[in-house]
Amino acid sequence: MNLEVILMQLGQFIIELISGLGYVGVFLAMAIESACIPLPSEIILPFTGYMVFLGHFDLRYATLAAVLGNLFGGLVAYYIGVWGGRPFLKRYGRYFLINERELAWTERLFARHGEITVFIGRLLPVIRTFISLPAGIARMNVFKMSLYTILGALPWCFILILAGKKLGENWDSLKSYFHHFDLIIGVIIILGLGYWLWQRKKKQKK
């Protein structure tokens, strides 16, 4: 099954969910997307904007539903990280090339720069789906995590919903553009991970 077919099926699921449940559908779709399940917000939000264009949704309420969905899903991922993430990584992290030092580094990162990390992560495709999980593993303050999740999710949700509204019946044309952007971000992440593994092997040899 190729990527295009998968996107078509995901798109159909999203359209049926939002069309059938209204604002609740927007909330649920964005909660799923924010809980480490890659349901593309690049389909959810422009279609929500299309519903605004048709007069079925109000722009403000649609944006609120999307942001609250992001927050709820983010909290689910956060508490998975709090309750299961660190013990799991301490026990099985070596199989994922994560040792105690890397885990400690993650915790220090979120302790010192957690706010900006969560805020920027919420504005980046791919990363935004998973950013709450390491915040939970690092036990970042939950109120700060929630605040910066909202601050990061708000412009992302509003801009894509507004774009869907402005495009009207052509909202679907946004999908290919943003998924190309997702691909670029994904390649950068993979290259960065490859470089990190290469450096790690060099240090181990020394």
C-alpha atoms as a PDB file:
ATOM      1  CA  MET A   1       0.000   0.000   0.000  1.00  0.00           C
ATOM      2  CA  ASN A   2       1.599   3.283  -1.103  1.00  0.00           C
ATOM      3  CA  LEU A   3       1.595   6.616   0.702  1.00  0.00           C
ATOM      4  CA  GLU A   4      -1.073   8.131  -1.543  1.00  0.00           C
ATOM      5  CA  VAL A   5      -3.559   5.346  -0.763  1.00  0.00           C
ATOM      6  CA  ILE A   6      -2.838   5.653   2.975  1.00  0.00           C
ATOM      7  CA  LEU A   7      -3.397   9.423   2.831  1.00  0.00           C
ATOM      8  CA  MET A   8      -6.669   8.914   0.944  1.00  0.00           C
ATOM      9  CA  GLN A   9      -7.914   6.499   3.602  1.00  0.00           C
ATOM     10  CA  LEU A  10      -6.816   8.774   6.443  1.00  0.00           C
ATOM     11  CA  GLY A  11      -8.430  11.718   4.679  1.00  0.00           C
ATOM     12  CA  GLN A  12     -11.711   9.832   4.333  1.00  0.00           C
ATOM     13  CA  PHE A  13     -11.644   8.860   8.022  1.00  0.00           C
ATOM     14  CA  ILE A  14     -11.002  12.474   9.053  1.00  0.00           C
ATOM     15  CA  ILE A  15     -13.742  13.841   6.793  1.00  0.00           C
ATOM     16  CA  GLU A  16     -16.288  11.348   8.137  1.00  0.00           C
ATOM     17  CA  LEU A  17     -15.252  11.988  11.751  1.00  0.00           C
ATOM     18  CA  ILE A  18     -15.528  15.779  11.490  1.00  0.00           C
ATOM     19  CA  SER A  19     -18.617  15.746   9.272  1.00  0.00           C
ATOM     20  CA  GLY A  20     -20.390  13.363  11.652  1.00  0.00           C
ATOM     21  CA  LEU A  21     -19.361  14.809  15.025  1.00  0.00           C
ATOM     22  CA  GLY A  22     -18.750  18.495  14.276  1.00  0.00           C
ATOM     23  CA  TYR A  23     -16.569  20.306  16.791  1.00  0.00           C
ATOM     24  CA  VAL A  24     -16.248  17.090  18.822  1.00  0.00           C
ATOM     25  CA  GLY A  25     -14.821  15.416  15.711  1.00  0.00           C
ATOM     26  CA  VAL A  26     -12.251  18.211  15.361  1.00  0.00           C
ATOM     27  CA  PHE A  27     -11.336  17.800  19.038  1.00  0.00           C
ATOM     28  CA  LEU A  28     -10.983  14.006  18.746  1.00  0.00           C
ATOM     29  CA  ALA A  29      -8.968  14.135  15.518  1.00  0.00           C
ATOM     30  CA  MET A  30      -6.499  16.648  16.960  1.00  0.00           C
ATOM     31  CA  ALA A  31      -6.301  14.704  20.247  1.00  0.00           C
ATOM     32  CA  ILE A  32      -5.343  11.574  18.307  1.00  0.00           C
ATOM     33  CA  GLU A  33      -2.763  13.541  16.305  1.00  0.00           C
ATOM     34  CA  SER A  34      -1.244  14.949  19.485  1.00  0.00           C
ATOM     35  CA  ALA A  35      -1.051  11.615  21.322  1.00  0.00           C
ATOM     36  CA  CYS A  36       1.815  10.175  19.233  1.00  0.00           C
ATOM     37  CA  ILE A  37      -0.544   8.773  16.571  1.00  0.00           C
ATOM     38  CA  PRO A  38       0.373  10.395  13.230  1.00  0.00           C
ATOM     39  CA  LEU A  39      -3.079  11.421  12.040  1.00  0.00           C
ATOM     40  CA  PRO A  40      -2.141  14.365   9.777  1.00  0.00           C
ATOM     41  CA  SER A  41      -3.301  17.760  10.982  1.00  0.00           C
ATOM     42  CA  GLU A  42      -2.508  18.942   7.418  1.00  0.00           C
ATOM     43  CA  ILE A  43      -5.783  17.213   6.469  1.00  0.00           C
ATOM     44  CA  ILE A  44      -7.734  17.776   9.707  1.00  0.00           C
ATOM     45  CA  LEU A  45      -7.301  21.540   9.889  1.00  0.00           C
ATOM     46  CA  PRO A  46      -7.781  22.576   6.226  1.00  0.00           C
ATOM     47  CA  PHE A  47     -10.927  20.425   6.080  1.00  0.00           C
ATOM     48  CA  THR A  48     -12.113  22.119   9.273  1.00  0.00           C
ATOM     49  CA  GLY A  49     -11.485  25.426   7.482  1.00  0.00           C
ATOM     50  CA  TYR A  50     -13.549  24.175   4.560  1.00  0.00           C
ATOM     51  CA  MET A  51     -16.414  23.517   6.998  1.00  0.00           C
ATOM     52  CA  VAL A  52     -16.002  27.120   8.189  1.00  0.00           C
ATOM     53  CA  PHE A  53     -16.186  28.213   4.536  1.00  0.00           C
ATOM     54  CA  LEU A  54     -19.464  26.290   4.159  1.00  0.00           C
ATOM     55  CA  GLY A  55     -20.870  27.967   7.271  1.00  0.00           C
ATOM     56  CA  HIS A  56     -21.071  24.773   9.349  1.00  0.00           C
ATOM     57  CA  PHE A  57     -18.384  25.931  11.810  1.00  0.00           C
ATOM     58  CA  ASP A  58     -17.365  29.209  13.379  1.00  0.00           C
ATOM     59  CA  LEU A  59     -13.649  29.992  12.915  1.00  0.00           C
ATOM     60  CA  ARG A  60     -13.130  30.815  16.597  1.00  0.00           C
ATOM     61  CA  TYR A  61     -14.876  27.715  17.943  1.00  0.00           C
ATOM     62  CA  ALA A  62     -13.199  25.462  15.393  1.00  0.00           C
ATOM     63  CA  THR A  63      -9.779  26.795  16.401  1.00  0.00           C
ATOM     64  CA  LEU A  64     -10.653  26.356  20.092  1.00  0.00           C
ATOM     65  CA  ALA A  65     -11.754  22.746  19.521  1.00  0.00           C
ATOM     66  CA  ALA A  66      -8.514  21.995  17.640  1.00  0.00           C
ATOM     67  CA  VAL A  67      -6.277  23.581  20.300  1.00  0.00           C
ATOM     68  CA  LEU A  68      -8.097  21.827  23.152  1.00  0.00           C
ATOM     69  CA  GLY A  69      -7.765  18.545  21.248  1.00  0.00           C
ATOM     70  CA  ASN A  70      -4.025  19.176  20.947  1.00  0.00           C
ATOM     71  CA  LEU A  71      -3.824  19.853  24.686  1.00  0.00           C
ATOM     72  CA  PHE A  72      -5.802  16.750  25.646  1.00  0.00           C
ATOM     73  CA  GLY A  73      -3.776  14.465  23.375  1.00  0.00           C
ATOM     74  CA  GLY A  74      -0.574  16.095  24.575  1.00  0.00           C
ATOM     75  CA  LEU A  75      -1.513  15.406  28.199  1.00  0.00           C
ATOM     76  CA  VAL A  76      -2.231  11.752  27.359  1.00  0.00           C
ATOM     77  CA  ALA A  77       1.241  11.413  25.792  1.00  0.00           C
ATOM     78  CA  TYR A  78       2.795  13.369  28.673  1.00  0.00           C
ATOM     79  CA  TYR A  79       1.407  11.044  31.334  1.00  0.00           C
ATOM     80  CA  ILE A  80       2.367   7.961  29.337  1.00  0.00           C
ATOM     81  CA  GLY A  81       5.889   9.374  29.503  1.00  0.00           C
ATOM     82  CA  VAL A  82       5.593  10.119  33.242  1.00  0.00           C
ATOM     83  CA  TRP A  83       4.174   6.746  34.279  1.00  0.00           C
ATOM     84  CA  GLY A  84       5.851   4.387  31.851  1.00  0.00           C
ATOM     85  CA  GLY A  85       8.482   6.182  29.811  1.00  0.00           C
ATOM     86  CA  ARG A  86      11.450   6.448  32.148  1.00  0.00           C
ATOM     87  CA  PRO A  87      11.209   2.949  33.696  1.00  0.00           C
ATOM     88  CA  PHE A  88      10.747   1.504  30.196  1.00  0.00           C
ATOM     89  CA  LEU A  89      13.775   3.347  28.807  1.00  0.00           C
ATOM     90  CA  LYS A  90      15.917   2.501  31.834  1.00  0.00           C
ATOM     91  CA  ARG A  91      15.134  -1.179  31.342  1.00  0.00           C
ATOM     92  CA  TYR A  92      15.025  -1.459  27.546  1.00  0.00           C
ATOM     93  CA  GLY A  93      16.684   1.767  26.371  1.00  0.00           C
ATOM     94  CA  ARG A  94      19.892  -0.008  25.381  1.00  0.00           C
ATOM     95  CA  TYR A  95      17.974  -1.792  22.629  1.00  0.00           C
ATOM     96  CA  PHE A  96      17.102   1.642  21.192  1.00  0.00           C
ATOM     97  CA  LEU A  97      20.684   2.928  21.712  1.00  0.00           C
ATOM     98  CA  ILE A  98      19.541   5.085  24.639  1.00  0.00           C
ATOM     99  CA  ASN A  99      21.588   4.840  27.801  1.00  0.00           C
ATOM    100  CA  GLU A 100      21.364   6.540  31.187  1.00  0.00           C
ATOM    101  CA  ARG A 101      23.446   9.480  29.962  1.00  0.00           C
ATOM    102  CA  GLU A 102      21.122  10.255  27.043  1.00  0.00           C
ATOM    103  CA  LEU A 103      18.124   9.954  29.343  1.00  0.00           C
ATOM    104  CA  ALA A 104      19.733  12.364  31.807  1.00  0.00           C
ATOM    105  CA  TRP A 105      20.489  14.763  28.935  1.00  0.00           C
ATOM    106  CA  THR A 106      16.816  14.739  27.876  1.00  0.00           C
ATOM    107  CA  GLU A 107      15.759  15.481  31.425  1.00  0.00           C
ATOM    108  CA  ARG A 108      18.221  18.376  31.687  1.00  0.00           C
ATOM    109  CA  LEU A 109      17.052  19.746  28.328  1.00  0.00           C
ATOM    110  CA  PHE A 110      13.434  19.902  29.451  1.00  0.00           C
ATOM    111  CA  ALA A 111      14.390  21.164  32.898  1.00  0.00           C
ATOM    112  CA  ARG A 112      16.331  24.103  31.416  1.00  0.00           C
ATOM    113  CA  HIS A 113      14.629  24.735  28.073  1.00  0.00           C
ATOM    114  CA  GLY A 114      11.377  22.791  28.292  1.00  0.00           C
ATOM    115  CA  GLU A 115       9.153  25.763  27.517  1.00  0.00           C
ATOM    116  CA  ILE A 116      10.827  26.735  24.236  1.00  0.00           C
ATOM    117  CA  THR A 117      11.314  23.065  23.278  1.00  0.00           C
ATOM    118  CA  VAL A 118       7.593  22.331  23.594  1.00  0.00           C
ATOM    119  CA  PHE A 119       6.599  25.630  21.962  1.00  0.00           C
ATOM    120  CA  ILE A 120       8.823  25.167  18.896  1.00  0.00           C
ATOM    121  CA  GLY A 121       8.039  21.447  18.730  1.00  0.00           C
ATOM    122  CA  ARG A 122       4.333  22.268  18.431  1.00  0.00           C
ATOM    123  CA  LEU A 123       5.068  24.379  15.351  1.00  0.00           C
ATOM    124  CA  LEU A 124       7.004  21.658  13.500  1.00  0.00           C
ATOM    125  CA  PRO A 125       5.414  18.921  11.383  1.00  0.00           C
ATOM    126  CA  VAL A 126       6.128  15.364  12.579  1.00  0.00           C
ATOM    127  CA  ILE A 127       7.837  16.566  15.785  1.00  0.00           C
ATOM    128  CA  ARG A 128       4.624  18.163  17.067  1.00  0.00           C
ATOM    129  CA  THR A 129       2.961  14.739  17.198  1.00  0.00           C
ATOM    130  CA  PHE A 130       5.521  13.316  19.636  1.00  0.00           C
ATOM    131  CA  ILE A 131       6.893  16.275  21.633  1.00  0.00           C
ATOM    132  CA  SER A 132       4.758  15.704  24.761  1.00  0.00           C
ATOM    133  CA  LEU A 133       6.118  12.187  25.331  1.00  0.00           C
ATOM    134  CA  PRO A 134       9.749  13.207  26.088  1.00  0.00           C
ATOM    135  CA  ALA A 135       8.382  16.109  28.148  1.00  0.00           C
ATOM    136  CA  GLY A 136       6.637  13.511  30.306  1.00  0.00           C
ATOM    137  CA  ILE A 137       9.687  11.255  30.486  1.00  0.00           C
ATOM    138  CA  ALA A 138      11.701  14.274  31.665  1.00  0.00           C
ATOM    139  CA  ARG A 139       8.883  15.123  34.114  1.00  0.00           C
ATOM    140  CA  MET A 140       8.616  18.685  32.896  1.00  0.00           C
ATOM    141  CA  ASN A 141       6.193  20.779  34.953  1.00  0.00           C
ATOM    142  CA  VAL A 142       2.772  19.790  33.626  1.00  0.00           C
ATOM    143  CA  PHE A 143       1.336  23.318  33.848  1.00  0.00           C
ATOM    144  CA  LYS A 144       4.228  24.766  31.846  1.00  0.00           C
ATOM    145  CA  MET A 145       3.935  21.955  29.330  1.00  0.00           C
ATOM    146  CA  SER A 146       0.215  22.647  28.954  1.00  0.00           C
ATOM    147  CA  LEU A 147       0.709  26.410  28.592  1.00  0.00           C
ATOM    148  CA  TYR A 148       3.366  26.109  25.882  1.00  0.00           C
ATOM    149  CA  THR A 149       1.398  23.392  24.125  1.00  0.00           C
ATOM    150  CA  ILE A 150      -1.491  25.859  23.836  1.00  0.00           C
ATOM    151  CA  LEU A 151       0.785  28.708  22.741  1.00  0.00           C
ATOM    152  CA  GLY A 152       2.413  26.542  20.075  1.00  0.00           C
ATOM    153  CA  ALA A 153      -0.779  24.831  18.892  1.00  0.00           C
ATOM    154  CA  LEU A 154      -2.806  28.046  18.586  1.00  0.00           C
ATOM    155  CA  PRO A 155      -0.991  29.622  15.597  1.00  0.00           C
ATOM    156  CA  TRP A 156      -0.599  26.244  13.864  1.00  0.00           C
ATOM    157  CA  CYS A 157      -4.313  25.441  14.158  1.00  0.00           C
ATOM    158  CA  PHE A 158      -5.540  28.936  13.340  1.00  0.00           C
ATOM    159  CA  ILE A 159      -3.346  29.373  10.242  1.00  0.00           C
ATOM    160  CA  LEU A 160      -4.244  25.992   8.712  1.00  0.00           C
ATOM    161  CA  ILE A 161      -7.960  26.387   9.456  1.00  0.00           C
ATOM    162  CA  LEU A 162      -7.897  29.893   8.000  1.00  0.00           C
ATOM    163  CA  ALA A 163      -6.028  28.599   4.932  1.00  0.00           C
ATOM    164  CA  GLY A 164      -8.702  25.931   4.452  1.00  0.00           C
ATOM    165  CA  LYS A 165     -11.399  28.566   4.730  1.00  0.00           C
ATOM    166  CA  LYS A 166      -9.698  30.896   2.232  1.00  0.00           C
ATOM    167  CA  LEU A 167      -9.203  28.107  -0.271  1.00  0.00           C
ATOM    168  CA  GLY A 168     -12.838  27.104   0.022  1.00  0.00           C
ATOM    169  CA  GLU A 169     -13.583  24.080  -2.125  1.00  0.00           C
ATOM    170  CA  ASN A 170      -9.895  23.836  -3.045  1.00  0.00           C
ATOM    171  CA  TRP A 171      -8.821  23.064   0.564  1.00  0.00           C
ATOM    172  CA  ASP A 172      -7.589  19.661  -0.553  1.00  0.00           C
ATOM    173  CA  SER A 173      -4.729  21.293  -2.484  1.00  0.00           C
ATOM    174  CA  LEU A 174      -2.948  22.025   0.822  1.00  0.00           C
ATOM    175  CA  LYS A 175      -2.360  18.340   1.552  1.00  0.00           C
ATOM    176  CA  SER A 176       0.354  17.672  -0.989  1.00  0.00           C
ATOM    177  CA  TYR A 177       2.225  20.892  -0.123  1.00  0.00           C
ATOM    178  CA  PHE A 178       2.372  20.211   3.597  1.00  0.00           C
ATOM    179  CA  HIS A 179       3.190  16.534   3.204  1.00  0.00           C
ATOM    180  CA  HIS A 180       6.172  17.455   1.048  1.00  0.00           C
ATOM    181  CA  PHE A 181       7.225  19.697   3.945  1.00  0.00           C
ATOM    182  CA  ASP A 182       6.689  16.792   6.363  1.00  0.00           C
ATOM    183  CA  LEU A 183       8.939  14.649   4.174  1.00  0.00           C
ATOM    184  CA  ILE A 184      11.708  17.266   4.285  1.00  0.00           C
ATOM    185  CA  ILE A 185      11.478  17.492   8.092  1.00  0.00           C
ATOM    186  CA  GLY A 186      11.490  13.696   8.319  1.00  0.00           C
ATOM    187  CA  VAL A 187      14.618  13.444   6.152  1.00  0.00           C
ATOM    188  CA  ILE A 188      16.361  16.070   8.312  1.00  0.00           C
ATOM    189  CA  ILE A 189      15.477  14.111  11.464  1.00  0.00           C
ATOM    190  CA  ILE A 190      16.747  10.843   9.947  1.00  0.00           C
ATOM    191  CA  LEU A 191      19.996  12.498   8.816  1.00  0.00           C
ATOM    192  CA  GLY A 192      20.438  14.030  12.248  1.00  0.00           C
ATOM    193  CA  LEU A 193      19.835  10.652  13.906  1.00  0.00           C
ATOM    194  CA  GLY A 194      22.313   9.026  11.524  1.00  0.00           C
ATOM    195  CA  TYR A 195      24.947  11.646  12.348  1.00  0.00           C
ATOM    196  CA  TRP A 196      24.352  11.169  16.082  1.00  0.00           C
ATOM    197  CA  LEU A 197      24.742   7.373  15.752  1.00  0.00           C
ATOM    198  CA  TRP A 198      27.929   7.823  13.712  1.00  0.00           C
ATOM    199  CA  GLN A 199      29.404  10.143  16.349  1.00  0.00           C
ATOM    200  CA  ARG A 200      28.341   7.716  19.069  1.00  0.00           C
ATOM    201  CA  LYS A 201      30.142   4.821  17.350  1.00  0.00           C
ATOM    202  CA  LYS A 202      33.279   6.925  16.928  1.00  0.00           C
ATOM    203  CA  LYS A 203      33.298   7.718  20.660  1.00  0.00           C
ATOM    204  CA  GLN A 204      32.758   4.076  21.560  1.00  0.00           C
ATOM    205  CA  LYS A 205      35.727   3.026  19.383  1.00  0.00           C
ATOM    206  CA  LYS A 206      37.940   5.585  21.065  1.00  0.00           C
END
